[in-house]
Protein backbone atom coordinates (compact mmCIF):
# COMPACT_ATOMS: atom_id res chain seq x y z
CA UNK A 1 -76.09 74.29 -5.84
CA UNK A 2 -76.47 72.85 -9.40
CA UNK A 3 -72.85 73.89 -10.50
CA UNK A 4 -69.99 73.12 -8.03
CA UNK A 5 -66.53 73.93 -9.68
CA UNK A 6 -64.75 71.87 -6.91
CA UNK A 7 -66.26 68.65 -8.60
CA UNK A 8 -63.51 69.24 -11.33
CA UNK A 9 -60.91 69.46 -8.61
CA UNK A 10 -61.68 66.50 -6.61
CA UNK A 11 -58.73 64.15 -7.76
CA UNK A 12 -55.54 64.40 -9.36
CA UNK A 13 -56.73 62.43 -12.34
CA UNK A 14 -59.77 64.77 -12.64
CA UNK A 15 -57.67 67.76 -12.40
CA UNK A 16 -55.23 66.43 -15.02
CA UNK A 17 -58.09 65.73 -17.25
CA UNK A 18 -59.44 69.23 -17.41
CA UNK A 19 -56.30 71.13 -17.23
CA UNK A 20 -56.41 73.90 -19.69
CA UNK A 21 -52.65 74.75 -20.29
CA UNK A 22 -49.88 72.30 -20.87
CA UNK A 23 -46.07 72.85 -20.76
CA UNK A 24 -43.68 70.70 -22.78
CA UNK A 25 -39.94 70.73 -23.15
CA UNK A 26 -40.47 71.07 -26.88
CA UNK A 27 -41.71 74.55 -26.45
CA UNK A 28 -38.58 75.93 -24.61
CA UNK A 29 -35.54 77.59 -25.99
CA UNK A 30 -32.45 77.32 -23.86
CA UNK A 31 -30.20 80.35 -23.70
CA UNK A 32 -26.39 79.44 -23.39
CA UNK A 33 -23.31 81.65 -23.10
CA UNK A 34 -20.09 81.05 -24.96
CA UNK A 35 -16.44 82.13 -24.13
CA UNK A 36 -13.14 82.08 -25.81
CA UNK A 37 -10.57 79.41 -24.87
CA UNK A 38 -10.40 75.55 -24.15
CA UNK A 39 -11.94 73.57 -21.43
CA UNK A 40 -13.40 76.76 -19.80
CA UNK A 41 -16.52 76.78 -17.59
CA UNK A 42 -17.52 79.82 -15.51
CA UNK A 43 -20.64 80.08 -13.53
CA UNK A 44 -22.48 83.43 -13.94
CA UNK A 45 -22.45 84.60 -10.35
CA UNK A 46 -26.03 86.33 -10.72
CA UNK A 47 -27.49 83.30 -12.29
CA UNK A 48 -26.80 80.26 -10.17
CA UNK A 49 -26.60 77.00 -12.28
CA UNK A 50 -25.81 78.97 -15.45
CA UNK A 51 -22.40 78.92 -17.08
CA UNK A 52 -20.25 80.41 -19.79
CA UNK A 53 -18.62 77.66 -21.77
CA UNK A 54 -15.86 77.37 -24.26
CA UNK A 55 -16.81 75.83 -27.48
CA UNK A 56 -15.59 72.21 -26.66
CA UNK A 57 -17.63 72.30 -23.35
CA UNK A 58 -20.52 73.86 -24.92
CA UNK A 59 -20.85 71.03 -27.19
CA UNK A 60 -20.96 68.55 -24.34
CA UNK A 61 -23.62 70.78 -22.72
CA UNK A 62 -25.61 70.85 -25.85
CA UNK A 63 -25.46 66.97 -26.17
CA UNK A 64 -26.53 66.66 -22.61
CA UNK A 65 -29.57 69.06 -22.99
CA UNK A 66 -30.41 67.31 -26.22
CA UNK A 67 -30.52 63.99 -24.68
CA UNK A 68 -33.12 65.57 -22.18
CA UNK A 69 -35.27 66.68 -25.14
CA UNK A 70 -34.09 70.41 -25.62
CA UNK A 71 -34.06 70.80 -29.34
CA UNK A 72 -33.66 74.70 -29.75
CA UNK A 73 -30.89 76.78 -28.34
CA UNK A 74 -30.03 80.46 -27.97
CA UNK A 75 -26.31 80.96 -27.80
CA UNK A 76 -24.73 84.31 -26.81
CA UNK A 77 -21.04 85.22 -27.09
CA UNK A 78 -19.19 86.78 -24.07
CA UNK A 79 -16.24 88.74 -25.71
CA UNK A 80 -13.40 90.39 -24.07
CA UNK A 81 -12.94 94.12 -24.40
CA UNK A 82 -10.12 93.77 -26.86
CA UNK A 83 -12.78 92.26 -29.28
CA UNK A 84 -15.03 95.27 -28.92
CA UNK A 85 -15.13 98.50 -31.00
CA UNK A 86 -17.57 101.25 -31.73
CA UNK A 87 -18.67 99.53 -34.94
CA UNK A 88 -19.08 95.97 -33.79
CA UNK A 89 -16.80 94.50 -36.31
CA UNK A 90 -16.41 91.28 -34.52
CA UNK A 91 -20.13 90.84 -34.90
CA UNK A 92 -19.62 89.99 -38.53
CA UNK A 93 -16.45 88.32 -38.38
CA UNK A 94 -16.81 85.01 -40.10
CA UNK A 95 -13.93 83.29 -38.17
CA UNK A 96 -14.86 84.96 -34.86
CA UNK A 97 -16.17 83.14 -31.80
CA UNK A 98 -19.72 83.21 -32.39
CA UNK A 99 -20.00 82.08 -36.08
CA UNK A 100 -17.39 79.30 -35.16
CA UNK A 101 -19.75 78.21 -32.45
CA UNK A 102 -22.72 78.02 -34.55
CA UNK A 103 -20.88 76.00 -37.26
CA UNK A 104 -19.47 73.54 -34.77
CA UNK A 105 -22.83 73.10 -33.05
CA UNK A 106 -24.57 72.46 -36.41
CA UNK A 107 -21.94 70.14 -37.63
CA UNK A 108 -22.15 67.98 -34.44
CA UNK A 109 -25.82 68.22 -33.95
CA UNK A 110 -27.57 69.02 -37.12
CA UNK A 111 -30.91 68.15 -35.88
CA UNK A 112 -30.94 70.95 -33.18
CA UNK A 113 -32.19 74.51 -34.01
CA UNK A 114 -30.12 77.50 -33.19
CA UNK A 115 -31.76 80.86 -32.60
CA UNK A 116 -29.10 83.72 -32.69
CA UNK A 117 -29.13 87.32 -31.56
CA UNK A 118 -28.77 90.25 -33.92
CA UNK A 119 -27.65 93.32 -31.86
CA UNK A 120 -24.54 95.39 -31.56
CA UNK A 121 -24.26 95.31 -27.79
CA UNK A 122 -22.15 92.12 -27.25
CA UNK A 123 -19.63 93.47 -29.69
CA UNK A 124 -19.79 97.14 -29.12
CA UNK A 125 -17.39 99.25 -27.12
CA UNK A 126 -20.31 101.54 -26.25
CA UNK A 127 -22.48 98.64 -24.92
CA UNK A 128 -25.38 99.70 -27.01
CA UNK A 129 -27.48 97.84 -29.37
CA UNK A 130 -27.03 100.45 -32.11
CA UNK A 131 -24.31 102.68 -33.62
CA UNK A 132 -23.60 105.57 -31.17
CA UNK A 133 -22.68 109.16 -32.54
CA UNK A 134 -22.44 112.19 -30.22
CA UNK A 135 -24.50 110.39 -27.73
CA UNK A 136 -27.21 109.43 -30.11
CA UNK A 137 -28.25 106.12 -31.25
CA UNK A 138 -28.43 106.11 -34.99
CA UNK A 139 -31.26 104.03 -36.39
CA UNK A 140 -30.64 103.66 -40.17
CA UNK A 141 -26.93 103.44 -40.11
CA UNK A 142 -27.23 100.57 -37.49
CA UNK A 143 -29.17 98.48 -39.86
CA UNK A 144 -26.27 97.94 -42.38
CA UNK A 145 -24.21 96.59 -39.47
CA UNK A 146 -27.10 94.39 -38.39
CA UNK A 147 -27.40 93.21 -42.05
CA UNK A 148 -23.68 92.05 -42.02
CA UNK A 149 -24.15 90.37 -38.82
CA UNK A 150 -27.34 88.52 -40.12
CA UNK A 151 -25.66 87.26 -43.11
CA UNK A 152 -22.57 86.02 -41.21
CA UNK A 153 -24.88 84.07 -38.88
CA UNK A 154 -27.02 82.60 -41.62
CA UNK A 155 -23.91 81.47 -43.52
CA UNK A 156 -22.55 79.68 -40.31
CA UNK A 157 -25.85 77.85 -39.98
CA UNK A 158 -28.41 79.73 -37.82
CA UNK A 159 -31.91 78.60 -38.18
CA UNK A 160 -33.66 81.52 -36.58
CA UNK A 161 -32.41 85.15 -36.31
CA UNK A 162 -33.50 87.27 -33.32
CA UNK A 163 -33.18 91.06 -33.79
CA UNK A 164 -32.98 92.29 -30.30
CA UNK A 165 -31.88 95.79 -31.26
CA UNK A 166 -35.31 97.52 -31.65
CA UNK A 167 -34.24 99.73 -34.40
CA UNK A 168 -37.07 100.73 -36.53
CA UNK A 169 -37.47 98.94 -39.99
CA UNK A 170 -34.78 96.11 -39.17
CA UNK A 171 -37.18 93.14 -39.77
CA UNK A 172 -37.90 94.28 -43.36
CA UNK A 173 -34.36 95.24 -43.88
CA UNK A 174 -33.09 91.91 -42.91
CA UNK A 175 -35.86 89.86 -44.51
CA UNK A 176 -35.04 91.65 -47.92
CA UNK A 177 -31.26 91.27 -47.40
CA UNK A 178 -31.61 87.37 -46.42
CA UNK A 179 -33.81 86.67 -49.32
CA UNK A 180 -31.48 88.68 -51.90
CA UNK A 181 -28.46 86.24 -50.59
CA UNK A 182 -30.50 83.03 -50.81
CA UNK A 183 -31.34 82.58 -47.15
CA UNK A 184 -35.14 82.37 -47.80
CA UNK A 185 -35.26 79.42 -45.37
CA UNK A 186 -33.79 81.38 -42.28
CA UNK A 187 -36.54 82.50 -39.99
CA UNK A 188 -36.87 85.83 -38.06
CA UNK A 189 -38.09 85.88 -34.59
CA UNK A 190 -38.09 89.66 -33.76
CA UNK A 191 -37.75 90.95 -30.11
CA UNK A 192 -40.97 92.75 -30.96
CA UNK A 193 -41.94 94.25 -27.56
CA UNK A 194 -38.50 94.65 -25.87
CA UNK A 195 -38.93 96.71 -22.75
CA UNK A 196 -36.38 98.90 -21.07
CA UNK A 197 -36.57 96.74 -17.94
CA UNK A 198 -34.76 96.42 -14.75
CA UNK A 199 -34.59 92.63 -15.11
CA UNK A 200 -31.69 92.30 -17.47
CA UNK A 201 -29.05 92.93 -15.09
CA UNK A 202 -27.68 89.37 -14.68
CA UNK A 203 -27.50 88.80 -18.37
CA UNK A 204 -25.50 91.96 -18.71
CA UNK A 205 -22.95 90.71 -16.11
CA UNK A 206 -22.86 87.43 -18.19
CA UNK A 207 -21.80 89.30 -21.23
CA UNK A 208 -20.28 92.34 -19.83
CA UNK A 209 -22.41 94.19 -22.09
CA UNK A 210 -23.94 97.13 -20.05
CA UNK A 211 -24.01 100.53 -21.86
CA UNK A 212 -20.89 102.56 -20.90
CA UNK A 213 -22.98 105.69 -21.01
CA UNK A 214 -26.68 106.61 -20.93
CA UNK A 215 -29.52 103.94 -21.16
CA UNK A 216 -31.51 102.12 -23.73
CA UNK A 217 -34.67 104.15 -23.46
CA UNK A 218 -34.59 105.68 -26.80
CA UNK A 219 -35.02 102.34 -28.52
CA UNK A 220 -36.29 99.84 -25.74
CA UNK A 221 -39.98 100.47 -24.99
CA UNK A 222 -41.47 102.15 -21.93
CA UNK A 223 -42.83 99.54 -19.45
CA UNK A 224 -45.89 101.62 -19.11
CA UNK A 225 -47.01 101.08 -22.69
CA UNK A 226 -49.28 98.51 -24.07
CA UNK A 227 -50.70 99.94 -27.15
CA UNK A 228 -47.28 100.72 -28.40
CA UNK A 229 -46.35 96.95 -28.44
CA UNK A 230 -49.32 96.40 -30.87
CA UNK A 231 -47.84 98.85 -33.25
CA UNK A 232 -44.55 97.33 -33.03
CA UNK A 233 -45.94 94.11 -33.75
CA UNK A 234 -47.97 95.22 -36.66
CA UNK A 235 -44.80 96.77 -38.21
CA UNK A 236 -42.73 93.52 -37.77
CA UNK A 237 -45.72 91.38 -39.17
CA UNK A 238 -46.09 93.63 -42.20
CA UNK A 239 -42.33 93.31 -42.67
CA UNK A 240 -42.30 89.56 -42.90
CA UNK A 241 -41.56 88.54 -39.41
CA UNK A 242 -42.21 84.60 -38.76
CA UNK A 243 -42.51 84.78 -34.94
CA UNK A 244 -43.05 87.78 -32.46
CA UNK A 245 -41.48 87.97 -28.97
CA UNK A 246 -42.17 89.77 -25.70
CA UNK A 247 -39.22 90.56 -23.46
CA UNK A 248 -39.37 90.29 -20.34
CA UNK A 249 -42.24 87.82 -19.73
CA UNK A 250 -43.62 87.62 -16.18
CA UNK A 251 -44.03 91.52 -15.85
CA UNK A 252 -45.65 91.63 -19.28
CA UNK A 253 -48.25 88.74 -19.32
CA UNK A 254 -50.68 91.22 -20.62
CA UNK A 255 -48.58 92.02 -23.69
CA UNK A 256 -48.12 88.33 -24.49
CA UNK A 257 -51.94 87.82 -24.40
CA UNK A 258 -52.47 91.10 -26.55
CA UNK A 259 -50.09 89.80 -29.19
CA UNK A 260 -51.52 86.22 -29.16
CA UNK A 261 -55.01 87.66 -29.64
CA UNK A 262 -54.17 89.88 -32.59
CA UNK A 263 -51.53 88.01 -34.71
CA UNK A 264 -51.94 84.69 -36.41
CA UNK A 265 -48.19 83.60 -35.87
CA UNK A 266 -46.22 82.06 -33.13
CA UNK A 267 -45.67 84.23 -29.99
CA UNK A 268 -42.47 83.86 -27.93
CA UNK A 269 -41.70 85.20 -24.49
CA UNK A 270 -38.25 85.56 -22.90
CA UNK A 271 -38.13 84.86 -19.19
CA UNK A 272 -35.11 86.79 -18.57
CA UNK A 273 -32.12 86.57 -16.42
CA UNK A 274 -33.45 88.64 -13.80
CA UNK A 275 -36.74 86.61 -13.47
CA UNK A 276 -34.57 83.58 -13.17
CA UNK A 277 -32.27 85.14 -10.69
CA UNK A 278 -35.04 86.29 -8.28
CA UNK A 279 -36.74 82.97 -8.01
CA UNK A 280 -33.24 81.37 -7.60
CA UNK A 281 -32.30 83.94 -4.82
CA UNK A 282 -35.59 83.37 -2.96
CA UNK A 283 -35.36 79.65 -3.03
CA UNK A 284 -31.75 79.75 -1.78
CA UNK A 285 -32.95 81.89 1.04
CA UNK A 286 -35.63 79.38 1.95
CA UNK A 287 -38.38 82.00 1.18
CA UNK A 288 -40.17 79.91 -1.50
CA UNK A 289 -40.04 76.43 -3.10
CA UNK A 290 -37.78 77.13 -6.15
CA UNK A 291 -39.24 74.05 -8.09
CA UNK A 292 -42.81 74.96 -7.71
CA UNK A 293 -42.13 78.73 -8.31
CA UNK A 294 -40.35 77.72 -11.65
CA UNK A 295 -43.28 75.68 -12.74
CA UNK A 296 -45.86 78.32 -11.83
CA UNK A 297 -43.96 80.97 -13.69
CA UNK A 298 -43.51 78.89 -16.78
CA UNK A 299 -47.18 77.74 -16.82
CA UNK A 300 -48.28 81.36 -16.27
CA UNK A 301 -46.25 82.40 -19.51
CA UNK A 302 -47.91 79.64 -21.38
CA UNK A 303 -51.30 80.57 -20.11
CA UNK A 304 -50.85 84.15 -21.20
CA UNK A 305 -50.57 82.88 -24.68
CA UNK A 306 -46.86 82.13 -25.48
CA UNK A 307 -46.13 79.36 -27.87
CA UNK A 308 -42.34 79.51 -27.13
CA UNK A 309 -40.41 80.20 -24.09
CA UNK A 310 -36.85 81.22 -23.99
CA UNK A 311 -35.95 80.45 -20.31
CA UNK A 312 -32.74 79.65 -18.34
CA UNK A 313 -34.90 77.04 -16.59
CA UNK A 314 -35.16 74.85 -19.63
CA UNK A 315 -32.53 72.36 -18.47
CA UNK A 316 -33.73 72.10 -15.00
CA UNK A 317 -37.31 71.64 -16.33
CA UNK A 318 -36.36 69.16 -18.71
CA UNK A 319 -34.59 67.02 -16.14
CA UNK A 320 -37.73 67.51 -13.98
CA UNK A 321 -39.91 66.21 -16.80
CA UNK A 322 -38.09 63.02 -17.14
CA UNK A 323 -39.87 62.20 -13.87
CA UNK A 324 -42.93 64.25 -14.39
CA UNK A 325 -44.81 64.20 -17.80
CA UNK A 326 -45.79 67.43 -19.48
CA UNK A 327 -47.43 70.06 -17.13
């Protein structure tokens, strides 16, 4: 045999030398949950190791993660029902929990980057990403509300806005609005191919944001569709998006690769709560090695083409990386 592939696997040094895909903490975004109050820290039961923090303790958590090399965070607010209404008014209250948290993080850690979420569901009494009227999710009427949220978050100091609502035309609407108000420097990372997935359950537990009626299938994508993701990405690209995202990640590696092969801008993937939870649950039962499964899942997302990964494993990986260089 002239060609023996095993020659390139014969030692750890050789395997590292020819490794095709690298994973660094610099490529990770850490989602974090915020609650009202002081000195509050609540574990999300369906996401072991993930907590909701009041702002004072959130600042301590950001500091600890920053010391581990994590530079970008995706905060999400968990609001009580009395702060929710059909028009998501709290979503653009400049003195609300979320803008206050953004300002305090940026004041204390000006070198970190914040990616914030643009959608109605954390603030909506209906639990939907858009405005509900007679059981229908209204597209164009929702854009105005999203725009108010975007300006509030940009004013508070958000670096990257992440419209996750899947309303048609929202990227162009937000880009024009931000530019008109002097926020040309604020980036947009659209949830471009956000699928109507079964893997979001623990996240909805964390925010108590599940729909009160119906489902999200009229705006989130059918998991069976791939070409549709390319159409969504093309629309967002033409509307001026800076980064494209696929959500979830592990069940949609082919979608990540399709976007990577077709668009000359950074591609992100969101390893969602259910993906995190199933690895943690299997590891807790002794069914697999949790650390190895974490690493394999993250490297698979990178191998598929993701430049950026939003993952609840970010801190755990960063701790591991202090003992193990980039993988």
